[in-house]
Amino acid sequence: MSVTYFDSNARMSQITVHNGTVFLSGQVPSDATADMRGQTEQVLARIDELLAKAGTTKQHLVSAQIWVTSMAEFDQMNAAWDAWVVPGRPPVRAAVEAKLAKPEWKVEIMVTAALPEA
C-alpha cells in the first residue's frame, strides 16, 4: 500500500495519506497575538485548507488531539471548536494542557480524517 506525503520538508509532512485515512500534523496559529479563541479559529481554518488539499473535509474527521497552554482558557478554545465542528459528527477527541514549542502559541491541534468514499 502506498503512502502519499504533502507539504513535506526534511523534518515532517503537513499531510500524510494512507489506506483512505488522512493524517495532519499538529497545526498552530499564524498570528500568535490573538487570544485563545482567535488562535483556535486560525488553526481550524488551516485544518480546513489541509483537509481540502488531501481530498476530504471536517465532515469526515475521526479523531482530534488538542494541546492548550492554559486550562483557564479552555472554554475559549471550546467555543471556537463547537462553532466549527460539524453538528452530529464530532470526532473522538483528547485535550490536554501542555507547554508548546513557542511560548506565544496557545493551542495546537492535530486531526485524522477519512477520505470520502468514491
PDB file of N, CA and C in Angstrom:
ATOM      1  N   MET A   1       0.832  -1.179   0.000  1.00  0.00           N
ATOM      2  CA  MET A   1       0.000   0.000   0.000  1.00  0.00           C
ATOM      3  C   MET A   1       0.878   1.244   0.000  1.00  0.00           C
ATOM      4  N   SER A   2       0.458   2.230  -0.744  1.00  0.00           N
ATOM      5  CA  SER A   2       1.274   3.431  -0.867  1.00  0.00           C
ATOM      6  C   SER A   2       0.914   4.464   0.206  1.00  0.00           C
ATOM      7  N   VAL A   3       1.864   5.321   0.458  1.00  0.00           N
ATOM      8  CA  VAL A   3       1.688   6.453   1.353  1.00  0.00           C
ATOM      9  C   VAL A   3       1.996   7.704   0.534  1.00  0.00           C
ATOM     10  N   THR A   4       1.122   8.708   0.635  1.00  0.00           N
ATOM     11  CA  THR A   4       1.319   9.960  -0.080  1.00  0.00           C
ATOM     12  C   THR A   4       1.606  11.046   0.941  1.00  0.00           C
ATOM     13  N   TYR A   5       2.615  11.863   0.647  1.00  0.00           N
ATOM     14  CA  TYR A   5       3.038  12.942   1.538  1.00  0.00           C
ATOM     15  C   TYR A   5       2.820  14.280   0.847  1.00  0.00           C
ATOM     16  N   PHE A   6       2.303  15.267   1.580  1.00  0.00           N
ATOM     17  CA  PHE A   6       2.081  16.609   1.060  1.00  0.00           C
ATOM     18  C   PHE A   6       2.808  17.617   1.944  1.00  0.00           C
ATOM     19  N   ASP A   7       3.289  18.677   1.308  1.00  0.00           N
ATOM     20  CA  ASP A   7       3.906  19.791   2.029  1.00  0.00           C
ATOM     21  C   ASP A   7       4.970  19.299   3.010  1.00  0.00           C
ATOM     22  N   SER A   8       5.933  18.595   2.463  1.00  0.00           N
ATOM     23  CA  SER A   8       6.983  17.983   3.284  1.00  0.00           C
ATOM     24  C   SER A   8       8.258  18.815   3.290  1.00  0.00           C
ATOM     25  N   ASN A   9       9.001  18.687   4.376  1.00  0.00           N
ATOM     26  CA  ASN A   9      10.364  19.197   4.439  1.00  0.00           C
ATOM     27  C   ASN A   9      11.225  18.071   5.017  1.00  0.00           C
ATOM     28  N   ALA A  10      12.435  18.346   5.373  1.00  0.00           N
ATOM     29  CA  ALA A  10      13.327  17.294   5.873  1.00  0.00           C
ATOM     30  C   ALA A  10      12.835  16.689   7.184  1.00  0.00           C
ATOM     31  N   ARG A  11      12.055  17.444   7.959  1.00  0.00           N
ATOM     32  CA  ARG A  11      11.629  17.001   9.281  1.00  0.00           C
ATOM     33  C   ARG A  11      10.255  16.340   9.297  1.00  0.00           C
ATOM     34  N   MET A  12       9.321  16.870   8.484  1.00  0.00           N
ATOM     35  CA  MET A  12       7.941  16.390   8.604  1.00  0.00           C
ATOM     36  C   MET A  12       7.120  16.740   7.379  1.00  0.00           C
ATOM     37  N   SER A  13       5.932  16.143   7.327  1.00  0.00           N
ATOM     38  CA  SER A  13       4.934  16.475   6.314  1.00  0.00           C
ATOM     39  C   SER A  13       3.736  17.093   7.019  1.00  0.00           C
ATOM     40  N   GLN A  14       3.047  17.984   6.315  1.00  0.00           N
ATOM     41  CA  GLN A  14       1.820  18.552   6.871  1.00  0.00           C
ATOM     42  C   GLN A  14       0.661  17.560   6.757  1.00  0.00           C
ATOM     43  N   ILE A  15       0.711  16.731   5.695  1.00  0.00           N
ATOM     44  CA  ILE A  15      -0.356  15.759   5.430  1.00  0.00           C
ATOM     45  C   ILE A  15       0.280  14.451   5.001  1.00  0.00           C
ATOM     46  N   THR A  16      -0.240  13.356   5.522  1.00  0.00           N
ATOM     47  CA  THR A  16       0.110  12.026   5.052  1.00  0.00           C
ATOM     48  C   THR A  16      -1.187  11.271   4.810  1.00  0.00           C
ATOM     49  N   VAL A  17      -1.282  10.604   3.669  1.00  0.00           N
ATOM     50  CA  VAL A  17      -2.483   9.834   3.332  1.00  0.00           C
ATOM     51  C   VAL A  17      -2.080   8.386   3.130  1.00  0.00           C
ATOM     52  N   HIS A  18      -2.798   7.497   3.818  1.00  0.00           N
ATOM     53  CA  HIS A  18      -2.526   6.068   3.704  1.00  0.00           C
ATOM     54  C   HIS A  18      -3.823   5.295   3.887  1.00  0.00           C
ATOM     55  N   ASN A  19      -4.097   4.406   2.963  1.00  0.00           N
ATOM     56  CA  ASN A  19      -5.217   3.475   3.092  1.00  0.00           C
ATOM     57  C   ASN A  19      -6.544   4.187   3.394  1.00  0.00           C
ATOM     58  N   GLY A  20      -6.796   5.296   2.705  1.00  0.00           N
ATOM     59  CA  GLY A  20      -8.058   6.015   2.866  1.00  0.00           C
ATOM     60  C   GLY A  20      -8.146   6.883   4.104  1.00  0.00           C
ATOM     61  N   THR A  21      -7.019   7.069   4.788  1.00  0.00           N
ATOM     62  CA  THR A  21      -7.007   7.879   6.004  1.00  0.00           C
ATOM     63  C   THR A  21      -6.041   9.040   5.826  1.00  0.00           C
ATOM     64  N   VAL A  22      -6.470  10.228   6.252  1.00  0.00           N
ATOM     65  CA  VAL A  22      -5.684  11.448   6.153  1.00  0.00           C
ATOM     66  C   VAL A  22      -5.207  11.830   7.546  1.00  0.00           C
ATOM     67  N   PHE A  23      -3.905  11.979   7.694  1.00  0.00           N
ATOM     68  CA  PHE A  23      -3.295  12.366   8.957  1.00  0.00           C
ATOM     69  C   PHE A  23      -2.696  13.754   8.789  1.00  0.00           C
ATOM     70  N   LEU A  24      -3.079  14.701   9.638  1.00  0.00           N
ATOM     71  CA  LEU A  24      -2.470  16.028   9.602  1.00  0.00           C
ATOM     72  C   LEU A  24      -1.486  16.160  10.748  1.00  0.00           C
ATOM     73  N   SER A  25      -0.433  16.909  10.499  1.00  0.00           N
ATOM     74  CA  SER A  25       0.492  17.236  11.585  1.00  0.00           C
ATOM     75  C   SER A  25      -0.193  18.234  12.513  1.00  0.00           C
ATOM     76  N   GLY A  26       0.397  18.463  13.662  1.00  0.00           N
ATOM     77  CA  GLY A  26      -0.151  19.453  14.582  1.00  0.00           C
ATOM     78  C   GLY A  26      -0.117  20.832  13.942  1.00  0.00           C
ATOM     79  N   GLN A  27      -1.236  21.536  14.014  1.00  0.00           N
ATOM     80  CA  GLN A  27      -1.351  22.864  13.414  1.00  0.00           C
ATOM     81  C   GLN A  27      -1.364  23.927  14.508  1.00  0.00           C
ATOM     82  N   VAL A  28      -0.659  25.005  14.249  1.00  0.00           N
ATOM     83  CA  VAL A  28      -0.533  26.106  15.203  1.00  0.00           C
ATOM     84  C   VAL A  28      -0.982  27.398  14.529  1.00  0.00           C
ATOM     85  N   PRO A  29      -1.264  28.436  15.314  1.00  0.00           N
ATOM     86  CA  PRO A  29      -1.746  29.683  14.727  1.00  0.00           C
ATOM     87  C   PRO A  29      -0.668  30.424  13.950  1.00  0.00           C
ATOM     88  N   SER A  30      -1.105  31.186  12.946  1.00  0.00           N
ATOM     89  CA  SER A  30      -0.172  32.017  12.188  1.00  0.00           C
ATOM     90  C   SER A  30       0.011  33.383  12.844  1.00  0.00           C
ATOM     91  N   ASP A  31      -1.010  33.852  13.570  1.00  0.00           N
ATOM     92  CA  ASP A  31      -0.937  35.130  14.284  1.00  0.00           C
ATOM     93  C   ASP A  31      -1.050  34.850  15.777  1.00  0.00           C
ATOM     94  N   ALA A  32       0.089  34.794  16.426  1.00  0.00           N
ATOM     95  CA  ALA A  32       0.118  34.427  17.838  1.00  0.00           C
ATOM     96  C   ALA A  32      -0.274  35.580  18.758  1.00  0.00           C
ATOM     97  N   THR A  33      -0.613  36.747  18.196  1.00  0.00           N
ATOM     98  CA  THR A  33      -1.042  37.855  19.046  1.00  0.00           C
ATOM     99  C   THR A  33      -2.527  37.742  19.418  1.00  0.00           C
ATOM    100  N   ALA A  34      -3.248  36.865  18.747  1.00  0.00           N
ATOM    101  CA  ALA A  34      -4.678  36.688  19.021  1.00  0.00           C
ATOM    102  C   ALA A  34      -4.883  35.968  20.353  1.00  0.00           C
ATOM    103  N   ASP A  35      -6.103  36.079  20.892  1.00  0.00           N
ATOM    104  CA  ASP A  35      -6.434  35.359  22.117  1.00  0.00           C
ATOM    105  C   ASP A  35      -6.669  33.883  21.791  1.00  0.00           C
ATOM    106  N   MET A  36      -6.974  33.090  22.795  1.00  0.00           N
ATOM    107  CA  MET A  36      -7.144  31.643  22.597  1.00  0.00           C
ATOM    108  C   MET A  36      -8.199  31.334  21.544  1.00  0.00           C
ATOM    109  N   ARG A  37      -9.337  32.014  21.597  1.00  0.00           N
ATOM    110  CA  ARG A  37     -10.371  31.744  20.598  1.00  0.00           C
ATOM    111  C   ARG A  37      -9.873  32.098  19.202  1.00  0.00           C
ATOM    112  N   GLY A  38      -9.242  33.253  19.057  1.00  0.00           N
ATOM    113  CA  GLY A  38      -8.728  33.663  17.757  1.00  0.00           C
ATOM    114  C   GLY A  38      -7.669  32.718  17.227  1.00  0.00           C
ATOM    115  N   GLN A  39      -6.762  32.279  18.087  1.00  0.00           N
ATOM    116  CA  GLN A  39      -5.735  31.325  17.659  1.00  0.00           C
ATOM    117  C   GLN A  39      -6.381  30.002  17.249  1.00  0.00           C
ATOM    118  N   THR A  40      -7.376  29.569  18.001  1.00  0.00           N
ATOM    119  CA  THR A  40      -8.055  28.317  17.662  1.00  0.00           C
ATOM    120  C   THR A  40      -8.768  28.440  16.321  1.00  0.00           C
ATOM    121  N   GLU A  41      -9.423  29.555  16.080  1.00  0.00           N
ATOM    122  CA  GLU A  41     -10.097  29.769  14.790  1.00  0.00           C
ATOM    123  C   GLU A  41      -9.105  29.727  13.635  1.00  0.00           C
ATOM    124  N   GLN A  42      -7.918  30.307  13.823  1.00  0.00           N
ATOM    125  CA  GLN A  42      -6.880  30.257  12.787  1.00  0.00           C
ATOM    126  C   GLN A  42      -6.468  28.812  12.500  1.00  0.00           C
ATOM    127  N   VAL A  43      -6.257  28.062  13.567  1.00  0.00           N
ATOM    128  CA  VAL A  43      -5.827  26.666  13.415  1.00  0.00           C
ATOM    129  C   VAL A  43      -6.906  25.858  12.694  1.00  0.00           C
ATOM    130  N   LEU A  44      -8.148  26.056  13.068  1.00  0.00           N
ATOM    131  CA  LEU A  44      -9.234  25.300  12.430  1.00  0.00           C
ATOM    132  C   LEU A  44      -9.388  25.667  10.962  1.00  0.00           C
ATOM    133  N   ALA A  45      -9.179  26.929  10.622  1.00  0.00           N
ATOM    134  CA  ALA A  45      -9.215  27.341   9.209  1.00  0.00           C
ATOM    135  C   ALA A  45      -8.087  26.662   8.434  1.00  0.00           C
ATOM    136  N   ARG A  46      -6.918  26.572   9.034  1.00  0.00           N
ATOM    137  CA  ARG A  46      -5.784  25.890   8.382  1.00  0.00           C
ATOM    138  C   ARG A  46      -6.087  24.402   8.207  1.00  0.00           C
ATOM    139  N   ILE A  47      -6.713  23.803   9.204  1.00  0.00           N
ATOM    140  CA  ILE A  47      -7.097  22.390   9.096  1.00  0.00           C
ATOM    141  C   ILE A  47      -8.063  22.209   7.929  1.00  0.00           C
ATOM    142  N   ASP A  48      -9.033  23.099   7.781  1.00  0.00           N
ATOM    143  CA  ASP A  48      -9.954  23.029   6.633  1.00  0.00           C
ATOM    144  C   ASP A  48      -9.183  23.046   5.316  1.00  0.00           C
ATOM    145  N   GLU A  49      -8.200  23.944   5.201  1.00  0.00           N
ATOM    146  CA  GLU A  49      -7.388  24.050   3.975  1.00  0.00           C
ATOM    147  C   GLU A  49      -6.636  22.758   3.699  1.00  0.00           C
ATOM    148  N   LEU A  50      -5.999  22.210   4.721  1.00  0.00           N
ATOM    149  CA  LEU A  50      -5.202  20.998   4.524  1.00  0.00           C
ATOM    150  C   LEU A  50      -6.086  19.790   4.220  1.00  0.00           C
ATOM    151  N   LEU A  51      -7.221  19.684   4.867  1.00  0.00           N
ATOM    152  CA  LEU A  51      -8.139  18.581   4.566  1.00  0.00           C
ATOM    153  C   LEU A  51      -8.598  18.665   3.119  1.00  0.00           C
ATOM    154  N   ALA A  52      -8.916  19.869   2.643  1.00  0.00           N
ATOM    155  CA  ALA A  52      -9.330  20.040   1.247  1.00  0.00           C
ATOM    156  C   ALA A  52      -8.214  19.627   0.295  1.00  0.00           C
ATOM    157  N   LYS A  53      -6.991  20.004   0.621  1.00  0.00           N
ATOM    158  CA  LYS A  53      -5.848  19.625  -0.218  1.00  0.00           C
ATOM    159  C   LYS A  53      -5.711  18.109  -0.310  1.00  0.00           C
ATOM    160  N   ALA A  54      -6.059  17.415   0.770  1.00  0.00           N
ATOM    161  CA  ALA A  54      -5.960  15.953   0.802  1.00  0.00           C
ATOM    162  C   ALA A  54      -7.191  15.275   0.202  1.00  0.00           C
ATOM    163  N   GLY A  55      -8.249  16.042  -0.097  1.00  0.00           N
ATOM    164  CA  GLY A  55      -9.432  15.469  -0.721  1.00  0.00           C
ATOM    165  C   GLY A  55     -10.531  15.088   0.251  1.00  0.00           C
ATOM    166  N   THR A  56     -10.569  15.730   1.416  1.00  0.00           N
ATOM    167  CA  THR A  56     -11.622  15.432   2.386  1.00  0.00           C
ATOM    168  C   THR A  56     -12.053  16.725   3.075  1.00  0.00           C
ATOM    169  N   THR A  57     -12.920  16.598   4.078  1.00  0.00           N
ATOM    170  CA  THR A  57     -13.420  17.754   4.825  1.00  0.00           C
ATOM    171  C   THR A  57     -13.565  17.382   6.295  1.00  0.00           C
ATOM    172  N   LYS A  58     -13.880  18.394   7.096  1.00  0.00           N
ATOM    173  CA  LYS A  58     -14.092  18.158   8.528  1.00  0.00           C
ATOM    174  C   LYS A  58     -15.297  17.254   8.784  1.00  0.00           C
ATOM    175  N   GLN A  59     -16.153  17.087   7.825  1.00  0.00           N
ATOM    176  CA  GLN A  59     -17.295  16.172   7.955  1.00  0.00           C
ATOM    177  C   GLN A  59     -16.820  14.729   8.128  1.00  0.00           C
ATOM    178  N   HIS A  60     -15.587  14.458   7.714  1.00  0.00           N
ATOM    179  CA  HIS A  60     -15.043  13.096   7.767  1.00  0.00           C
ATOM    180  C   HIS A  60     -13.986  12.920   8.852  1.00  0.00           C
ATOM    181  N   LEU A  61     -13.946  13.846   9.818  1.00  0.00           N
ATOM    182  CA  LEU A  61     -12.994  13.702  10.927  1.00  0.00           C
ATOM    183  C   LEU A  61     -13.292  12.444  11.736  1.00  0.00           C
ATOM    184  N   VAL A  62     -12.235  11.781  12.154  1.00  0.00           N
ATOM    185  CA  VAL A  62     -12.408  10.617  13.038  1.00  0.00           C
ATOM    186  C   VAL A  62     -11.770  10.839  14.404  1.00  0.00           C
ATOM    187  N   SER A  63     -10.724  11.689  14.473  1.00  0.00           N
ATOM    188  CA  SER A  63     -10.116  11.948  15.770  1.00  0.00           C
ATOM    189  C   SER A  63      -9.432  13.305  15.780  1.00  0.00           C
ATOM    190  N   ALA A  64      -9.266  13.834  17.002  1.00  0.00           N
ATOM    191  CA  ALA A  64      -8.560  15.105  17.189  1.00  0.00           C
ATOM    192  C   ALA A  64      -7.797  15.055  18.502  1.00  0.00           C
ATOM    193  N   GLN A  65      -6.614  15.622  18.465  1.00  0.00           N
ATOM    194  CA  GLN A  65      -5.808  15.812  19.671  1.00  0.00           C
ATOM    195  C   GLN A  65      -5.565  17.304  19.788  1.00  0.00           C
ATOM    196  N   ILE A  66      -5.830  17.840  20.973  1.00  0.00           N
ATOM    197  CA  ILE A  66      -5.715  19.276  21.191  1.00  0.00           C
ATOM    198  C   ILE A  66      -4.811  19.526  22.390  1.00  0.00           C
ATOM    199  N   TRP A  67      -3.859  20.434  22.199  1.00  0.00           N
ATOM    200  CA  TRP A  67      -2.987  20.870  23.280  1.00  0.00           C
ATOM    201  C   TRP A  67      -3.257  22.348  23.508  1.00  0.00           C
ATOM    202  N   VAL A  68      -3.515  22.742  24.751  1.00  0.00           N
ATOM    203  CA  VAL A  68      -3.683  24.140  25.118  1.00  0.00           C
ATOM    204  C   VAL A  68      -2.664  24.475  26.201  1.00  0.00           C
ATOM    205  N   THR A  69      -2.240  25.728  26.225  1.00  0.00           N
ATOM    206  CA  THR A  69      -1.227  26.111  27.209  1.00  0.00           C
ATOM    207  C   THR A  69      -1.820  26.452  28.565  1.00  0.00           C
ATOM    208  N   SER A  70      -3.134  26.676  28.615  1.00  0.00           N
ATOM    209  CA  SER A  70      -3.765  27.008  29.898  1.00  0.00           C
ATOM    210  C   SER A  70      -5.208  26.532  29.925  1.00  0.00           C
ATOM    211  N   MET A  71      -5.524  25.714  30.902  1.00  0.00           N
ATOM    212  CA  MET A  71      -6.906  25.266  31.053  1.00  0.00           C
ATOM    213  C   MET A  71      -7.815  26.427  31.456  1.00  0.00           C
ATOM    214  N   ALA A  72      -7.249  27.528  31.925  1.00  0.00           N
ATOM    215  CA  ALA A  72      -8.047  28.712  32.240  1.00  0.00           C
ATOM    216  C   ALA A  72      -8.688  29.286  30.974  1.00  0.00           C
ATOM    217  N   GLU A  73      -8.114  28.983  29.800  1.00  0.00           N
ATOM    218  CA  GLU A  73      -8.644  29.459  28.518  1.00  0.00           C
ATOM    219  C   GLU A  73      -9.328  28.352  27.718  1.00  0.00           C
ATOM    220  N   PHE A  74      -9.535  27.221  28.348  1.00  0.00           N
ATOM    221  CA  PHE A  74     -10.123  26.051  27.692  1.00  0.00           C
ATOM    222  C   PHE A  74     -11.495  26.357  27.097  1.00  0.00           C
ATOM    223  N   ASP A  75     -12.300  27.137  27.802  1.00  0.00           N
ATOM    224  CA  ASP A  75     -13.638  27.470  27.300  1.00  0.00           C
ATOM    225  C   ASP A  75     -13.576  28.269  26.005  1.00  0.00           C
ATOM    226  N   GLN A  76     -12.567  29.139  25.858  1.00  0.00           N
ATOM    227  CA  GLN A  76     -12.413  29.894  24.617  1.00  0.00           C
ATOM    228  C   GLN A  76     -12.093  28.969  23.447  1.00  0.00           C
ATOM    229  N   MET A  77     -11.214  28.003  23.694  1.00  0.00           N
ATOM    230  CA  MET A  77     -10.892  27.023  22.647  1.00  0.00           C
ATOM    231  C   MET A  77     -12.144  26.237  22.282  1.00  0.00           C
ATOM    232  N   ASN A  78     -12.879  25.775  23.300  1.00  0.00           N
ATOM    233  CA  ASN A  78     -14.096  25.002  23.042  1.00  0.00           C
ATOM    234  C   ASN A  78     -15.145  25.809  22.290  1.00  0.00           C
ATOM    235  N   ALA A  79     -15.243  27.108  22.559  1.00  0.00           N
ATOM    236  CA  ALA A  79     -16.205  27.946  21.839  1.00  0.00           C
ATOM    237  C   ALA A  79     -15.898  27.951  20.340  1.00  0.00           C
ATOM    238  N   ALA A  80     -14.627  28.103  19.996  1.00  0.00           N
ATOM    239  CA  ALA A  80     -14.235  28.065  18.584  1.00  0.00           C
ATOM    240  C   ALA A  80     -14.460  26.673  17.999  1.00  0.00           C
ATOM    241  N   TRP A  81     -14.086  25.645  18.744  1.00  0.00           N
ATOM    242  CA  TRP A  81     -14.258  24.258  18.294  1.00  0.00           C
ATOM    243  C   TRP A  81     -15.726  23.951  18.037  1.00  0.00           C
ATOM    244  N   ASP A  82     -16.580  24.282  19.014  1.00  0.00           N
ATOM    245  CA  ASP A  82     -18.006  23.962  18.906  1.00  0.00           C
ATOM    246  C   ASP A  82     -18.657  24.662  17.715  1.00  0.00           C
ATOM    247  N   ALA A  83     -18.211  25.881  17.403  1.00  0.00           N
ATOM    248  CA  ALA A  83     -18.742  26.607  16.245  1.00  0.00           C
ATOM    249  C   ALA A  83     -18.267  26.007  14.926  1.00  0.00           C
ATOM    250  N   TRP A  84     -17.165  25.276  14.967  1.00  0.00           N
ATOM    251  CA  TRP A  84     -16.536  24.735  13.752  1.00  0.00           C
ATOM    252  C   TRP A  84     -16.938  23.300  13.440  1.00  0.00           C
ATOM    253  N   VAL A  85     -17.016  22.466  14.449  1.00  0.00           N
ATOM    254  CA  VAL A  85     -17.243  21.040  14.223  1.00  0.00           C
ATOM    255  C   VAL A  85     -18.625  20.811  13.592  1.00  0.00           C
ATOM    256  N   VAL A  86     -18.725  19.801  12.735  1.00  0.00           N
ATOM    257  CA  VAL A  86     -19.979  19.501  12.046  1.00  0.00           C
ATOM    258  C   VAL A  86     -20.972  18.914  13.059  1.00  0.00           C
ATOM    259  N   PRO A  87     -22.151  19.529  13.210  1.00  0.00           N
ATOM    260  CA  PRO A  87     -23.140  19.011  14.156  1.00  0.00           C
ATOM    261  C   PRO A  87     -23.478  17.541  13.863  1.00  0.00           C
ATOM    262  N   GLY A  88     -23.512  16.760  14.916  1.00  0.00           N
ATOM    263  CA  GLY A  88     -23.825  15.348  14.777  1.00  0.00           C
ATOM    264  C   GLY A  88     -22.664  14.489  14.309  1.00  0.00           C
ATOM    265  N   ARG A  89     -21.501  15.095  14.050  1.00  0.00           N
ATOM    266  CA  ARG A  89     -20.338  14.353  13.552  1.00  0.00           C
ATOM    267  C   ARG A  89     -19.059  14.712  14.298  1.00  0.00           C
ATOM    268  N   PRO A  90     -19.120  14.855  15.609  1.00  0.00           N
ATOM    269  CA  PRO A  90     -17.882  15.193  16.324  1.00  0.00           C
ATOM    270  C   PRO A  90     -16.932  13.995  16.352  1.00  0.00           C
ATOM    271  N   PRO A  91     -15.650  14.242  16.137  1.00  0.00           N
ATOM    272  CA  PRO A  91     -14.687  13.130  16.202  1.00  0.00           C
ATOM    273  C   PRO A  91     -14.397  12.765  17.652  1.00  0.00           C
ATOM    274  N   VAL A  92     -13.773  11.620  17.862  1.00  0.00           N
ATOM    275  CA  VAL A  92     -13.227  11.353  19.190  1.00  0.00           C
ATOM    276  C   VAL A  92     -12.175  12.423  19.431  1.00  0.00           C
ATOM    277  N   ARG A  93     -11.975  12.787  20.703  1.00  0.00           N
ATOM    278  CA  ARG A  93     -11.104  13.927  20.965  1.00  0.00           C
ATOM    279  C   ARG A  93     -10.436  13.788  22.324  1.00  0.00           C
ATOM    280  N   ALA A  94      -9.198  14.248  22.378  1.00  0.00           N
ATOM    281  CA  ALA A  94      -8.487  14.382  23.645  1.00  0.00           C
ATOM    282  C   ALA A  94      -7.938  15.797  23.690  1.00  0.00           C
ATOM    283  N   ALA A  95      -7.977  16.408  24.866  1.00  0.00           N
ATOM    284  CA  ALA A  95      -7.434  17.753  25.030  1.00  0.00           C
ATOM    285  C   ALA A  95      -6.671  17.807  26.341  1.00  0.00           C
ATOM    286  N   VAL A  96      -5.454  18.323  26.267  1.00  0.00           N
ATOM    287  CA  VAL A  96      -4.607  18.393  27.457  1.00  0.00           C
ATOM    288  C   VAL A  96      -3.904  19.737  27.523  1.00  0.00           C
ATOM    289  N   GLU A  97      -3.493  20.103  28.720  1.00  0.00           N
ATOM    290  CA  GLU A  97      -2.672  21.286  28.916  1.00  0.00           C
ATOM    291  C   GLU A  97      -1.215  20.895  28.699  1.00  0.00           C
ATOM    292  N   ALA A  98      -0.493  21.718  27.935  1.00  0.00           N
ATOM    293  CA  ALA A  98       0.897  21.391  27.613  1.00  0.00           C
ATOM    294  C   ALA A  98       1.682  22.657  27.305  1.00  0.00           C
ATOM    295  N   LYS A  99       2.977  22.576  27.462  1.00  0.00           N
ATOM    296  CA  LYS A  99       3.877  23.636  27.028  1.00  0.00           C
ATOM    297  C   LYS A  99       4.147  23.400  25.541  1.00  0.00           C
ATOM    298  N   LEU A 100       3.885  24.399  24.699  1.00  0.00           N
ATOM    299  CA  LEU A 100       4.075  24.244  23.257  1.00  0.00           C
ATOM    300  C   LEU A 100       5.455  24.735  22.840  1.00  0.00           C
ATOM    301  N   ALA A 101       5.828  24.473  21.598  1.00  0.00           N
ATOM    302  CA  ALA A 101       7.174  24.759  21.107  1.00  0.00           C
ATOM    303  C   ALA A 101       7.531  26.245  21.143  1.00  0.00           C
ATOM    304  N   LYS A 102       6.553  27.116  20.976  1.00  0.00           N
ATOM    305  CA  LYS A 102       6.788  28.562  21.063  1.00  0.00           C
ATOM    306  C   LYS A 102       5.872  29.116  22.153  1.00  0.00           C
ATOM    307  N   PRO A 103       6.387  29.930  23.038  1.00  0.00           N
ATOM    308  CA  PRO A 103       5.587  30.414  24.165  1.00  0.00           C
ATOM    309  C   PRO A 103       4.384  31.264  23.767  1.00  0.00           C
ATOM    310  N   GLU A 104       4.410  31.872  22.586  1.00  0.00           N
ATOM    311  CA  GLU A 104       3.283  32.700  22.166  1.00  0.00           C
ATOM    312  C   GLU A 104       2.102  31.888  21.628  1.00  0.00           C
ATOM    313  N   TRP A 105       2.337  30.631  21.290  1.00  0.00           N
ATOM    314  CA  TRP A 105       1.235  29.777  20.840  1.00  0.00           C
ATOM    315  C   TRP A 105       0.414  29.341  22.038  1.00  0.00           C
ATOM    316  N   LYS A 106      -0.900  29.390  21.878  1.00  0.00           N
ATOM    317  CA  LYS A 106      -1.815  28.985  22.942  1.00  0.00           C
ATOM    318  C   LYS A 106      -2.472  27.635  22.670  1.00  0.00           C
ATOM    319  N   VAL A 107      -2.445  27.184  21.400  1.00  0.00           N
ATOM    320  CA  VAL A 107      -3.155  25.966  21.030  1.00  0.00           C
ATOM    321  C   VAL A 107      -2.467  25.286  19.840  1.00  0.00           C
ATOM    322  N   GLU A 108      -2.513  23.983  19.841  1.00  0.00           N
ATOM    323  CA  GLU A 108      -2.070  23.167  18.708  1.00  0.00           C
ATOM    324  C   GLU A 108      -3.086  22.045  18.551  1.00  0.00           C
ATOM    325  N   ILE A 109      -3.475  21.769  17.310  1.00  0.00           N
ATOM    326  CA  ILE A 109      -4.485  20.746  17.042  1.00  0.00           C
ATOM    327  C   ILE A 109      -3.998  19.827  15.936  1.00  0.00           C
ATOM    328  N   MET A 110      -4.177  18.536  16.156  1.00  0.00           N
ATOM    329  CA  MET A 110      -3.812  17.510  15.178  1.00  0.00           C
ATOM    330  C   MET A 110      -5.051  16.647  14.931  1.00  0.00           C
ATOM    331  N   VAL A 111      -5.394  16.413  13.672  1.00  0.00           N
ATOM    332  CA  VAL A 111      -6.585  15.628  13.363  1.00  0.00           C
ATOM    333  C   VAL A 111      -6.276  14.495  12.385  1.00  0.00           C
ATOM    334  N   THR A 112      -7.178  13.535  12.400  1.00  0.00           N
ATOM    335  CA  THR A 112      -7.178  12.431  11.441  1.00  0.00           C
ATOM    336  C   THR A 112      -8.569  12.388  10.830  1.00  0.00           C
ATOM    337  N   ALA A 113      -8.627  12.171   9.517  1.00  0.00           N
ATOM    338  CA  ALA A 113      -9.906  12.132   8.806  1.00  0.00           C
ATOM    339  C   ALA A 113      -9.901  10.995   7.792  1.00  0.00           C
ATOM    340  N   ALA A 114     -11.077  10.568   7.429  1.00  0.00           N
ATOM    341  CA  ALA A 114     -11.231   9.573   6.369  1.00  0.00           C
ATOM    342  C   ALA A 114     -11.412  10.283   5.030  1.00  0.00           C
ATOM    343  N   LEU A 115     -10.954   9.647   3.973  1.00  0.00           N
ATOM    344  CA  LEU A 115     -11.275  10.135   2.643  1.00  0.00           C
ATOM    345  C   LEU A 115     -12.709   9.708   2.339  1.00  0.00           C
ATOM    346  N   PRO A 116     -13.503  10.563   1.693  1.00  0.00           N
ATOM    347  CA  PRO A 116     -14.866  10.150   1.342  1.00  0.00           C
ATOM    348  C   PRO A 116     -14.829   8.992   0.360  1.00  0.00           C
ATOM    349  N   GLU A 117     -15.821   8.135   0.454  1.00  0.00           N
ATOM    350  CA  GLU A 117     -15.891   7.010  -0.482  1.00  0.00           C
ATOM    351  C   GLU A 117     -16.261   7.526  -1.853  1.00  0.00           C
ATOM    352  N   ALA A 118     -15.608   6.996  -2.849  1.00  0.00           N
ATOM    353  CA  ALA A 118     -15.826   7.459  -4.227  1.00  0.00           C
ATOM    354  C   ALA A 118     -17.156   6.996  -4.771  1.00  0.00           C
TER     355      ALA A 118
END
